[in-house]
Amino acid sequence: MYKYIRSKAFEYPFAAWGIIFGFSGPIAVLATPPISKKLGHVRPEPVPRSYPLPNRPRRPTFGYED
């Protein structure tokens, strides 16, 4: 079985690299967060989802009438 896989990896290197990269994605998703925590990475403050409104009455706009 090993000889067959090895021969196919030499004959079709694109398939072998595709399998390697395909398996490395899920492994990286599972391994990256704990490693970054150990290195001291802190998550940034979340981005505001709304614009803060001023504490004053709203003034109507003038000069933009169509």
PDB file of N, CA and C in Angstrom:
ATOM      1  N   MET A   1       0.825  -1.193   0.000  1.00  0.00           N
ATOM      2  CA  MET A   1       0.000   0.000   0.000  1.00  0.00           C
ATOM      3  C   MET A   1       0.873   1.263   0.000  1.00  0.00           C
ATOM      4  N   TYR A   2       1.947   1.260   0.815  1.00  0.00           N
ATOM      5  CA  TYR A   2       2.838   2.409   0.891  1.00  0.00           C
ATOM      6  C   TYR A   2       3.505   2.673  -0.461  1.00  0.00           C
ATOM      7  N   LYS A   3       3.932   1.609  -1.123  1.00  0.00           N
ATOM      8  CA  LYS A   3       4.592   1.762  -2.425  1.00  0.00           C
ATOM      9  C   LYS A   3       3.625   2.349  -3.450  1.00  0.00           C
ATOM     10  N   TYR A   4       2.370   1.923  -3.404  1.00  0.00           N
ATOM     11  CA  TYR A   4       1.367   2.427  -4.342  1.00  0.00           C
ATOM     12  C   TYR A   4       1.137   3.924  -4.111  1.00  0.00           C
ATOM     13  N   ILE A   5       0.965   4.321  -2.860  1.00  0.00           N
ATOM     14  CA  ILE A   5       0.738   5.737  -2.551  1.00  0.00           C
ATOM     15  C   ILE A   5       1.959   6.569  -2.934  1.00  0.00           C
ATOM     16  N   ARG A   6       3.137   6.054  -2.644  1.00  0.00           N
ATOM     17  CA  ARG A   6       4.366   6.774  -2.975  1.00  0.00           C
ATOM     18  C   ARG A   6       4.517   6.931  -4.488  1.00  0.00           C
ATOM     19  N   SER A   7       4.222   5.882  -5.235  1.00  0.00           N
ATOM     20  CA  SER A   7       4.355   5.978  -6.695  1.00  0.00           C
ATOM     21  C   SER A   7       3.344   6.968  -7.272  1.00  0.00           C
ATOM     22  N   LYS A   8       2.116   6.972  -6.743  1.00  0.00           N
ATOM     23  CA  LYS A   8       1.102   7.915  -7.223  1.00  0.00           C
ATOM     24  C   LYS A   8       1.460   9.350  -6.842  1.00  0.00           C
ATOM     25  N   ALA A   9       2.112   9.524  -5.696  1.00  0.00           N
ATOM     26  CA  ALA A   9       2.529  10.870  -5.291  1.00  0.00           C
ATOM     27  C   ALA A   9       3.605  11.402  -6.239  1.00  0.00           C
ATOM     28  N   PHE A  10       4.455  10.520  -6.761  1.00  0.00           N
ATOM     29  CA  PHE A  10       5.467  10.957  -7.722  1.00  0.00           C
ATOM     30  C   PHE A  10       4.866  11.167  -9.106  1.00  0.00           C
ATOM     31  N   GLU A  11       3.864  10.364  -9.461  1.00  0.00           N
ATOM     32  CA  GLU A  11       3.249  10.497 -10.775  1.00  0.00           C
ATOM     33  C   GLU A  11       2.289  11.686 -10.832  1.00  0.00           C
ATOM     34  N   TYR A  12       1.575  11.931  -9.748  1.00  0.00           N
ATOM     35  CA  TYR A  12       0.570  12.997  -9.676  1.00  0.00           C
ATOM     36  C   TYR A  12       0.847  13.884  -8.455  1.00  0.00           C
ATOM     37  N   PRO A  13       1.882  14.715  -8.526  1.00  0.00           N
ATOM     38  CA  PRO A  13       2.223  15.526  -7.341  1.00  0.00           C
ATOM     39  C   PRO A  13       1.146  16.542  -6.984  1.00  0.00           C
ATOM     40  N   PHE A  14       0.373  17.008  -7.972  1.00  0.00           N
ATOM     41  CA  PHE A  14      -0.671  17.974  -7.667  1.00  0.00           C
ATOM     42  C   PHE A  14      -1.731  17.372  -6.763  1.00  0.00           C
ATOM     43  N   ALA A  15      -2.028  16.086  -6.942  1.00  0.00           N
ATOM     44  CA  ALA A  15      -3.016  15.434  -6.094  1.00  0.00           C
ATOM     45  C   ALA A  15      -2.473  15.248  -4.680  1.00  0.00           C
ATOM     46  N   ALA A  16      -1.206  14.896  -4.569  1.00  0.00           N
ATOM     47  CA  ALA A  16      -0.613  14.706  -3.244  1.00  0.00           C
ATOM     48  C   ALA A  16      -0.576  16.028  -2.484  1.00  0.00           C
ATOM     49  N   TRP A  17      -0.152  17.099  -3.144  1.00  0.00           N
ATOM     50  CA  TRP A  17      -0.123  18.402  -2.474  1.00  0.00           C
ATOM     51  C   TRP A  17      -1.528  18.886  -2.156  1.00  0.00           C
ATOM     52  N   GLY A  18      -2.485  18.575  -3.022  1.00  0.00           N
ATOM     53  CA  GLY A  18      -3.873  18.963  -2.752  1.00  0.00           C
ATOM     54  C   GLY A  18      -4.412  18.287  -1.506  1.00  0.00           C
ATOM     55  N   ILE A  19      -4.081  17.030  -1.332  1.00  0.00           N
ATOM     56  CA  ILE A  19      -4.525  16.309  -0.127  1.00  0.00           C
ATOM     57  C   ILE A  19      -3.837  16.877   1.107  1.00  0.00           C
ATOM     58  N   ILE A  20      -2.548  17.175   0.992  1.00  0.00           N
ATOM     59  CA  ILE A  20      -1.814  17.741   2.139  1.00  0.00           C
ATOM     60  C   ILE A  20      -2.400  19.080   2.537  1.00  0.00           C
ATOM     61  N   PHE A  21      -2.619  19.959   1.573  1.00  0.00           N
ATOM     62  CA  PHE A  21      -3.200  21.269   1.891  1.00  0.00           C
ATOM     63  C   PHE A  21      -4.641  21.145   2.358  1.00  0.00           C
ATOM     64  N   GLY A  22      -5.369  20.188   1.817  1.00  0.00           N
ATOM     65  CA  GLY A  22      -6.754  19.988   2.235  1.00  0.00           C
ATOM     66  C   GLY A  22      -6.877  19.559   3.680  1.00  0.00           C
ATOM     67  N   PHE A  23      -5.954  18.723   4.143  1.00  0.00           N
ATOM     68  CA  PHE A  23      -5.991  18.294   5.539  1.00  0.00           C
ATOM     69  C   PHE A  23      -5.391  19.335   6.482  1.00  0.00           C
ATOM     70  N   SER A  24      -4.520  20.192   5.958  1.00  0.00           N
ATOM     71  CA  SER A  24      -3.891  21.179   6.836  1.00  0.00           C
ATOM     72  C   SER A  24      -4.855  22.289   7.240  1.00  0.00           C
ATOM     73  N   GLY A  25      -5.895  22.555   6.464  1.00  0.00           N
ATOM     74  CA  GLY A  25      -6.856  23.611   6.797  1.00  0.00           C
ATOM     75  C   GLY A  25      -7.601  23.359   8.094  1.00  0.00           C
ATOM     76  N   PRO A  26      -8.304  22.220   8.226  1.00  0.00           N
ATOM     77  CA  PRO A  26      -9.001  21.958   9.485  1.00  0.00           C
ATOM     78  C   PRO A  26      -8.062  21.822  10.683  1.00  0.00           C
ATOM     79  N   ILE A  27      -6.868  21.295  10.453  1.00  0.00           N
ATOM     80  CA  ILE A  27      -5.903  21.182  11.549  1.00  0.00           C
ATOM     81  C   ILE A  27      -5.491  22.581  12.009  1.00  0.00           C
ATOM     82  N   ALA A  28      -5.275  23.496  11.076  1.00  0.00           N
ATOM     83  CA  ALA A  28      -4.899  24.865  11.432  1.00  0.00           C
ATOM     84  C   ALA A  28      -6.025  25.573  12.171  1.00  0.00           C
ATOM     85  N   VAL A  29      -7.267  25.319  11.785  1.00  0.00           N
ATOM     86  CA  VAL A  29      -8.408  25.939  12.472  1.00  0.00           C
ATOM     87  C   VAL A  29      -8.464  25.495  13.922  1.00  0.00           C
ATOM     88  N   LEU A  30      -8.154  24.253  14.186  1.00  0.00           N
ATOM     89  CA  LEU A  30      -8.197  23.748  15.555  1.00  0.00           C
ATOM     90  C   LEU A  30      -6.952  24.115  16.360  1.00  0.00           C
ATOM     91  N   ALA A  31      -5.818  24.278  15.709  1.00  0.00           N
ATOM     92  CA  ALA A  31      -4.566  24.493  16.429  1.00  0.00           C
ATOM     93  C   ALA A  31      -4.213  25.964  16.635  1.00  0.00           C
ATOM     94  N   THR A  32      -4.706  26.861  15.813  1.00  0.00           N
ATOM     95  CA  THR A  32      -4.290  28.257  15.880  1.00  0.00           C
ATOM     96  C   THR A  32      -4.764  28.999  17.134  1.00  0.00           C
ATOM     97  N   PRO A  33      -6.032  28.916  17.571  1.00  0.00           N
ATOM     98  CA  PRO A  33      -6.449  29.695  18.743  1.00  0.00           C
ATOM     99  C   PRO A  33      -5.666  29.389  20.026  1.00  0.00           C
ATOM    100  N   PRO A  34      -5.420  28.123  20.401  1.00  0.00           N
ATOM    101  CA  PRO A  34      -4.638  27.904  21.611  1.00  0.00           C
ATOM    102  C   PRO A  34      -3.198  28.419  21.505  1.00  0.00           C
ATOM    103  N   ILE A  35      -2.602  28.293  20.327  1.00  0.00           N
ATOM    104  CA  ILE A  35      -1.226  28.768  20.146  1.00  0.00           C
ATOM    105  C   ILE A  35      -1.175  30.289  20.274  1.00  0.00           C
ATOM    106  N   SER A  36      -2.141  30.987  19.682  1.00  0.00           N
ATOM    107  CA  SER A  36      -2.123  32.446  19.766  1.00  0.00           C
ATOM    108  C   SER A  36      -2.387  32.921  21.192  1.00  0.00           C
ATOM    109  N   LYS A  37      -3.206  32.185  21.965  1.00  0.00           N
ATOM    110  CA  LYS A  37      -3.420  32.538  23.371  1.00  0.00           C
ATOM    111  C   LYS A  37      -2.131  32.375  24.165  1.00  0.00           C
ATOM    112  N   LYS A  38      -1.392  31.306  23.916  1.00  0.00           N
ATOM    113  CA  LYS A  38      -0.137  31.079  24.629  1.00  0.00           C
ATOM    114  C   LYS A  38       0.899  32.145  24.290  1.00  0.00           C
ATOM    115  N   LEU A  39       0.834  32.701  23.085  1.00  0.00           N
ATOM    116  CA  LEU A  39       1.775  33.739  22.684  1.00  0.00           C
ATOM    117  C   LEU A  39       1.356  35.126  23.176  1.00  0.00           C
ATOM    118  N   GLY A  40       0.198  35.219  23.836  1.00  0.00           N
ATOM    119  CA  GLY A  40      -0.228  36.481  24.434  1.00  0.00           C
ATOM    120  C   GLY A  40      -1.122  37.347  23.573  1.00  0.00           C
ATOM    121  N   HIS A  41      -1.707  36.784  22.536  1.00  0.00           N
ATOM    122  CA  HIS A  41      -2.598  37.560  21.677  1.00  0.00           C
ATOM    123  C   HIS A  41      -3.905  37.833  22.413  1.00  0.00           C
ATOM    124  N   VAL A  42      -4.317  39.099  22.410  1.00  0.00           N
ATOM    125  CA  VAL A  42      -5.571  39.496  23.050  1.00  0.00           C
ATOM    126  C   VAL A  42      -6.530  39.933  21.951  1.00  0.00           C
ATOM    127  N   ARG A  43      -7.766  39.478  22.037  1.00  0.00           N
ATOM    128  CA  ARG A  43      -8.749  39.853  21.023  1.00  0.00           C
ATOM    129  C   ARG A  43      -9.040  41.343  21.106  1.00  0.00           C
ATOM    130  N   PRO A  44      -9.191  42.006  19.969  1.00  0.00           N
ATOM    131  CA  PRO A  44      -9.457  43.444  19.994  1.00  0.00           C
ATOM    132  C   PRO A  44     -10.884  43.740  20.461  1.00  0.00           C
ATOM    133  N   GLU A  45     -11.088  44.992  20.830  1.00  0.00           N
ATOM    134  CA  GLU A  45     -12.420  45.440  21.241  1.00  0.00           C
ATOM    135  C   GLU A  45     -13.356  45.350  20.042  1.00  0.00           C
ATOM    136  N   PRO A  46     -14.594  44.902  20.239  1.00  0.00           N
ATOM    137  CA  PRO A  46     -15.495  44.777  19.087  1.00  0.00           C
ATOM    138  C   PRO A  46     -15.819  46.139  18.457  1.00  0.00           C
ATOM    139  N   VAL A  47     -16.029  46.116  17.169  1.00  0.00           N
ATOM    140  CA  VAL A  47     -16.344  47.331  16.419  1.00  0.00           C
ATOM    141  C   VAL A  47     -17.775  47.756  16.751  1.00  0.00           C
ATOM    142  N   PRO A  48     -18.019  49.055  16.974  1.00  0.00           N
ATOM    143  CA  PRO A  48     -19.387  49.504  17.267  1.00  0.00           C
ATOM    144  C   PRO A  48     -20.315  49.227  16.091  1.00  0.00           C
ATOM    145  N   ARG A  49     -21.530  48.841  16.413  1.00  0.00           N
ATOM    146  CA  ARG A  49     -22.503  48.521  15.363  1.00  0.00           C
ATOM    147  C   ARG A  49     -23.424  49.688  15.038  1.00  0.00           C
ATOM    148  N   SER A  50     -23.380  50.769  15.816  1.00  0.00           N
ATOM    149  CA  SER A  50     -24.199  51.941  15.528  1.00  0.00           C
ATOM    150  C   SER A  50     -23.398  53.194  15.856  1.00  0.00           C
ATOM    151  N   TYR A  51     -23.822  54.285  15.278  1.00  0.00           N
ATOM    152  CA  TYR A  51     -23.155  55.563  15.509  1.00  0.00           C
ATOM    153  C   TYR A  51     -23.760  56.185  16.764  1.00  0.00           C
ATOM    154  N   PRO A  52     -22.957  56.689  17.697  1.00  0.00           N
ATOM    155  CA  PRO A  52     -23.526  57.282  18.908  1.00  0.00           C
ATOM    156  C   PRO A  52     -24.288  58.568  18.588  1.00  0.00           C
ATOM    157  N   LEU A  53     -25.511  58.672  19.098  1.00  0.00           N
ATOM    158  CA  LEU A  53     -26.324  59.854  18.853  1.00  0.00           C
ATOM    159  C   LEU A  53     -25.986  60.928  19.872  1.00  0.00           C
ATOM    160  N   PRO A  54     -25.959  62.205  19.449  1.00  0.00           N
ATOM    161  CA  PRO A  54     -25.656  63.277  20.391  1.00  0.00           C
ATOM    162  C   PRO A  54     -26.823  63.518  21.357  1.00  0.00           C
ATOM    163  N   ASN A  55     -26.516  64.066  22.535  1.00  0.00           N
ATOM    164  CA  ASN A  55     -27.538  64.361  23.537  1.00  0.00           C
ATOM    165  C   ASN A  55     -28.049  65.788  23.340  1.00  0.00           C
ATOM    166  N   ARG A  56     -28.730  66.013  22.240  1.00  0.00           N
ATOM    167  CA  ARG A  56     -29.328  67.317  21.949  1.00  0.00           C
ATOM    168  C   ARG A  56     -30.497  67.078  21.010  1.00  0.00           C
ATOM    169  N   PRO A  57     -31.394  68.040  20.920  1.00  0.00           N
ATOM    170  CA  PRO A  57     -32.515  67.858  19.977  1.00  0.00           C
ATOM    171  C   PRO A  57     -32.018  67.902  18.534  1.00  0.00           C
ATOM    172  N   ARG A  58     -32.667  67.162  17.684  1.00  0.00           N
ATOM    173  CA  ARG A  58     -32.279  67.125  16.280  1.00  0.00           C
ATOM    174  C   ARG A  58     -32.768  68.377  15.572  1.00  0.00           C
ATOM    175  N   ARG A  59     -31.903  68.955  14.737  1.00  0.00           N
ATOM    176  CA  ARG A  59     -32.261  70.143  13.982  1.00  0.00           C
ATOM    177  C   ARG A  59     -32.613  69.736  12.555  1.00  0.00           C
ATOM    178  N   PRO A  60     -33.664  70.308  12.012  1.00  0.00           N
ATOM    179  CA  PRO A  60     -33.989  69.965  10.619  1.00  0.00           C
ATOM    180  C   PRO A  60     -32.946  70.577   9.662  1.00  0.00           C
ATOM    181  N   THR A  61     -32.721  69.907   8.559  1.00  0.00           N
ATOM    182  CA  THR A  61     -31.778  70.408   7.566  1.00  0.00           C
ATOM    183  C   THR A  61     -32.494  71.373   6.628  1.00  0.00           C
ATOM    184  N   PHE A  62     -31.743  72.363   6.143  1.00  0.00           N
ATOM    185  CA  PHE A  62     -32.292  73.354   5.231  1.00  0.00           C
ATOM    186  C   PHE A  62     -31.430  73.419   3.986  1.00  0.00           C
ATOM    187  N   GLY A  63     -32.061  73.695   2.848  1.00  0.00           N
ATOM    188  CA  GLY A  63     -31.315  73.915   1.621  1.00  0.00           C
ATOM    189  C   GLY A  63     -31.141  72.684   0.771  1.00  0.00           C
ATOM    190  N   TYR A  64     -31.736  71.576   1.147  1.00  0.00           N
ATOM    191  CA  TYR A  64     -31.600  70.356   0.353  1.00  0.00           C
ATOM    192  C   TYR A  64     -32.943  69.894  -0.214  1.00  0.00           C
ATOM    193  N   GLU A  65     -33.887  70.800  -0.330  1.00  0.00           N
ATOM    194  CA  GLU A  65     -35.205  70.421  -0.828  1.00  0.00           C
ATOM    195  C   GLU A  65     -35.138  70.189  -2.343  1.00  0.00           C
ATOM    196  N   ASP A  66     -35.727  69.124  -2.788  1.00  0.00           N
ATOM    197  CA  ASP A  66     -35.744  68.841  -4.236  1.00  0.00           C
ATOM    198  C   ASP A  66     -37.016  69.307  -4.862  1.00  0.00           C
TER     199      ASP A  66
END
